[in-house]
Amino acid sequence: MKCKSCNTEIPNVRISLGYVECVQCSSTEAVACVDIIYHKTGNDIQVMSKSQATAINKHKRRGFGTMLKGGSKTSTYNPKNTKFGASTVVIGNDSLYNAIGEECMKIFESKGIDAVFTYINKAVKNYDINNTQAFKLKRIFNSL
């Protein structure tokens, strides 16, 4: 079957679902989902229009304290900045993670994997990247 708008071939799966237009010509809005978290387990998703899901997901909380992903600032740990002994400093952002990854690539090419791991450990110790980012980098360079 051909699309009623642009006359291109429509896949059989799309025809079996009742569509008479190709994906490019379709005016039907895409669907997306929002995750609904009840507790540690037993979570759910709610399927809705993509525009609604995007709006809701945009305003969701990203995490807790140092668990924030890709914070806009990187700060060095300073115990004087803590209140009641708990720190909420965001460690590691995407741009610094990428910069450290590029530097690791240079070190890997010139000095080898041991020097890369030393550099990554130093970056974690200096609070430039977090442990998750360090794990990802080590896994990347281990596979090379």
Protein backbone atom coordinates (compact mmCIF):
# COMPACT_ATOMS: atom_id res chain seq x y z
CA MET A 1 0.00 0.00 0.00
CA LYS A 2 1.18 3.52 -0.79
CA CYS A 3 0.98 6.62 1.45
CA LYS A 4 -2.05 8.76 0.58
CA SER A 5 0.04 11.95 0.89
CA CYS A 6 3.48 11.29 -0.63
CA ASN A 7 2.86 8.01 -2.51
CA THR A 8 5.76 6.11 -0.84
CA GLU A 9 5.46 2.48 0.21
CA ILE A 10 4.07 1.94 3.76
CA PRO A 11 5.45 -1.02 5.78
CA ASN A 12 2.96 -3.87 6.32
CA VAL A 13 3.21 -3.56 10.10
CA ARG A 14 2.04 0.05 9.90
CA ILE A 15 -0.84 -0.94 7.60
CA SER A 16 -1.91 -3.70 10.01
CA LEU A 17 -2.20 -1.05 12.74
CA GLY A 18 -4.65 0.90 10.57
CA TYR A 19 -2.45 3.72 9.32
CA VAL A 20 -2.82 5.04 5.76
CA GLU A 21 0.08 7.53 5.90
CA CYS A 22 3.83 7.01 6.25
CA VAL A 23 5.66 8.14 9.40
CA GLN A 24 6.94 11.33 7.72
CA CYS A 25 3.44 12.44 6.62
CA SER A 26 1.60 11.37 9.77
CA SER A 27 0.06 14.06 11.96
CA THR A 28 -0.31 11.70 14.93
CA GLU A 29 1.86 12.89 17.83
CA ALA A 30 4.54 10.52 19.11
CA VAL A 31 4.09 8.93 22.53
CA ALA A 32 6.53 8.93 25.43
CA CYS A 33 6.41 7.98 29.09
CA VAL A 34 6.93 9.33 32.57
CA ASP A 35 8.31 7.04 35.25
CA ILE A 36 6.27 6.80 38.43
CA ILE A 37 8.38 5.87 41.42
CA TYR A 38 6.54 4.45 44.40
CA HIS A 39 9.53 3.29 46.40
CA LYS A 40 12.73 1.35 45.75
CA THR A 41 10.87 -1.34 43.81
CA GLY A 42 7.52 -1.67 42.11
CA ASN A 43 7.91 1.35 39.85
CA ASP A 44 5.66 2.03 36.89
CA ILE A 45 5.46 4.17 33.75
CA GLN A 46 2.63 6.30 32.40
CA VAL A 47 2.38 6.50 28.60
CA MET A 48 1.22 9.88 27.28
CA SER A 49 1.84 12.34 24.46
CA LYS A 50 5.46 13.27 23.89
CA SER A 51 4.86 16.98 24.62
CA GLN A 52 3.24 16.21 28.00
CA ALA A 53 5.97 13.72 28.95
CA THR A 54 8.72 16.16 27.98
CA ALA A 55 7.15 18.90 30.09
CA ILE A 56 6.80 16.62 33.13
CA ASN A 57 10.27 15.05 32.80
CA LYS A 58 11.81 18.52 32.48
CA HIS A 59 10.60 19.47 35.96
CA LYS A 60 11.43 16.25 37.79
CA ARG A 61 14.01 16.20 40.53
CA ARG A 62 17.37 14.99 39.21
CA GLY A 63 18.70 13.39 42.37
CA PHE A 64 19.82 13.98 45.92
CA GLY A 65 22.91 15.95 46.97
CA THR A 66 26.04 14.45 45.47
CA MET A 67 23.93 12.04 43.43
CA LEU A 68 23.01 14.81 40.96
CA LYS A 69 24.03 13.94 37.42
CA GLY A 70 25.86 16.46 35.28
CA GLY A 71 25.68 19.42 37.62
CA SER A 72 26.33 22.85 36.13
CA LYS A 73 29.25 23.60 38.46
CA THR A 74 32.14 21.62 39.78
CA SER A 75 33.30 22.46 43.24
CA THR A 76 36.20 21.24 45.29
CA TYR A 77 35.27 19.64 48.58
CA ASN A 78 35.74 21.95 51.51
CA PRO A 79 34.68 20.75 54.98
CA LYS A 80 33.99 24.35 56.03
CA ASN A 81 31.16 24.46 53.45
CA THR A 82 29.28 21.61 55.12
CA LYS A 83 26.49 22.01 57.59
CA PHE A 84 26.15 19.42 60.32
CA GLY A 85 28.98 17.44 58.74
CA ALA A 86 27.06 16.56 55.54
CA SER A 87 28.24 17.76 52.15
CA THR A 88 25.96 18.58 49.21
CA VAL A 89 28.76 19.45 46.82
CA VAL A 90 28.17 18.32 43.24
CA ILE A 91 31.21 16.37 42.08
CA GLY A 92 31.89 16.11 38.36
CA ASN A 93 30.05 17.64 35.44
CA ASP A 94 29.82 16.54 31.82
CA SER A 95 32.31 19.03 30.40
CA LEU A 96 34.99 18.22 33.00
CA TYR A 97 34.33 14.49 32.56
CA ASN A 98 34.83 14.86 28.80
CA ALA A 99 38.00 16.93 29.27
CA ILE A 100 39.46 14.30 31.62
CA GLY A 101 38.48 11.58 29.15
CA GLU A 102 40.34 13.39 26.34
CA GLU A 103 43.40 13.82 28.56
CA CYS A 104 43.24 10.12 29.43
CA MET A 105 43.30 9.31 25.72
CA LYS A 106 46.51 11.33 25.29
CA ILE A 107 48.07 9.64 28.32
CA PHE A 108 46.97 6.21 27.05
CA GLU A 109 48.65 6.77 23.69
CA SER A 110 51.91 7.95 25.22
CA LYS A 111 52.27 6.19 28.60
CA GLY A 112 49.81 3.28 28.71
CA ILE A 113 46.88 2.11 30.79
CA ASP A 114 48.58 2.21 34.21
CA ALA A 115 49.23 5.93 33.81
CA VAL A 116 45.60 6.44 32.76
CA PHE A 117 44.30 4.69 35.89
CA THR A 118 46.64 6.77 38.05
CA TYR A 119 45.33 9.95 36.39
CA ILE A 120 41.69 8.89 36.87
CA ASN A 121 42.28 8.04 40.55
CA LYS A 122 43.90 11.45 41.06
CA ALA A 123 40.89 13.14 39.41
CA VAL A 124 38.55 11.34 41.82
CA LYS A 125 40.73 12.26 44.79
CA ASN A 126 40.69 15.94 43.69
CA TYR A 127 36.86 15.79 43.34
CA ASP A 128 37.07 16.59 39.61
CA ILE A 129 34.97 13.54 38.69
CA ASN A 130 32.80 11.25 40.75
CA ASN A 131 33.21 7.50 41.25
CA THR A 132 30.63 6.62 38.61
CA GLN A 133 32.43 8.70 36.01
CA ALA A 134 35.76 7.16 37.03
CA PHE A 135 34.28 3.67 36.69
CA LYS A 136 33.02 4.50 33.18
CA LEU A 137 36.41 5.86 32.12
CA LYS A 138 38.24 2.83 33.52
CA ARG A 139 35.84 0.49 31.75
CA ILE A 140 36.39 2.34 28.45
CA PHE A 141 40.17 2.18 28.71
CA ASN A 142 40.10 -1.42 29.91
CA SER A 143 38.31 -2.38 26.71
CA LEU A 144 40.95 -0.68 24.53
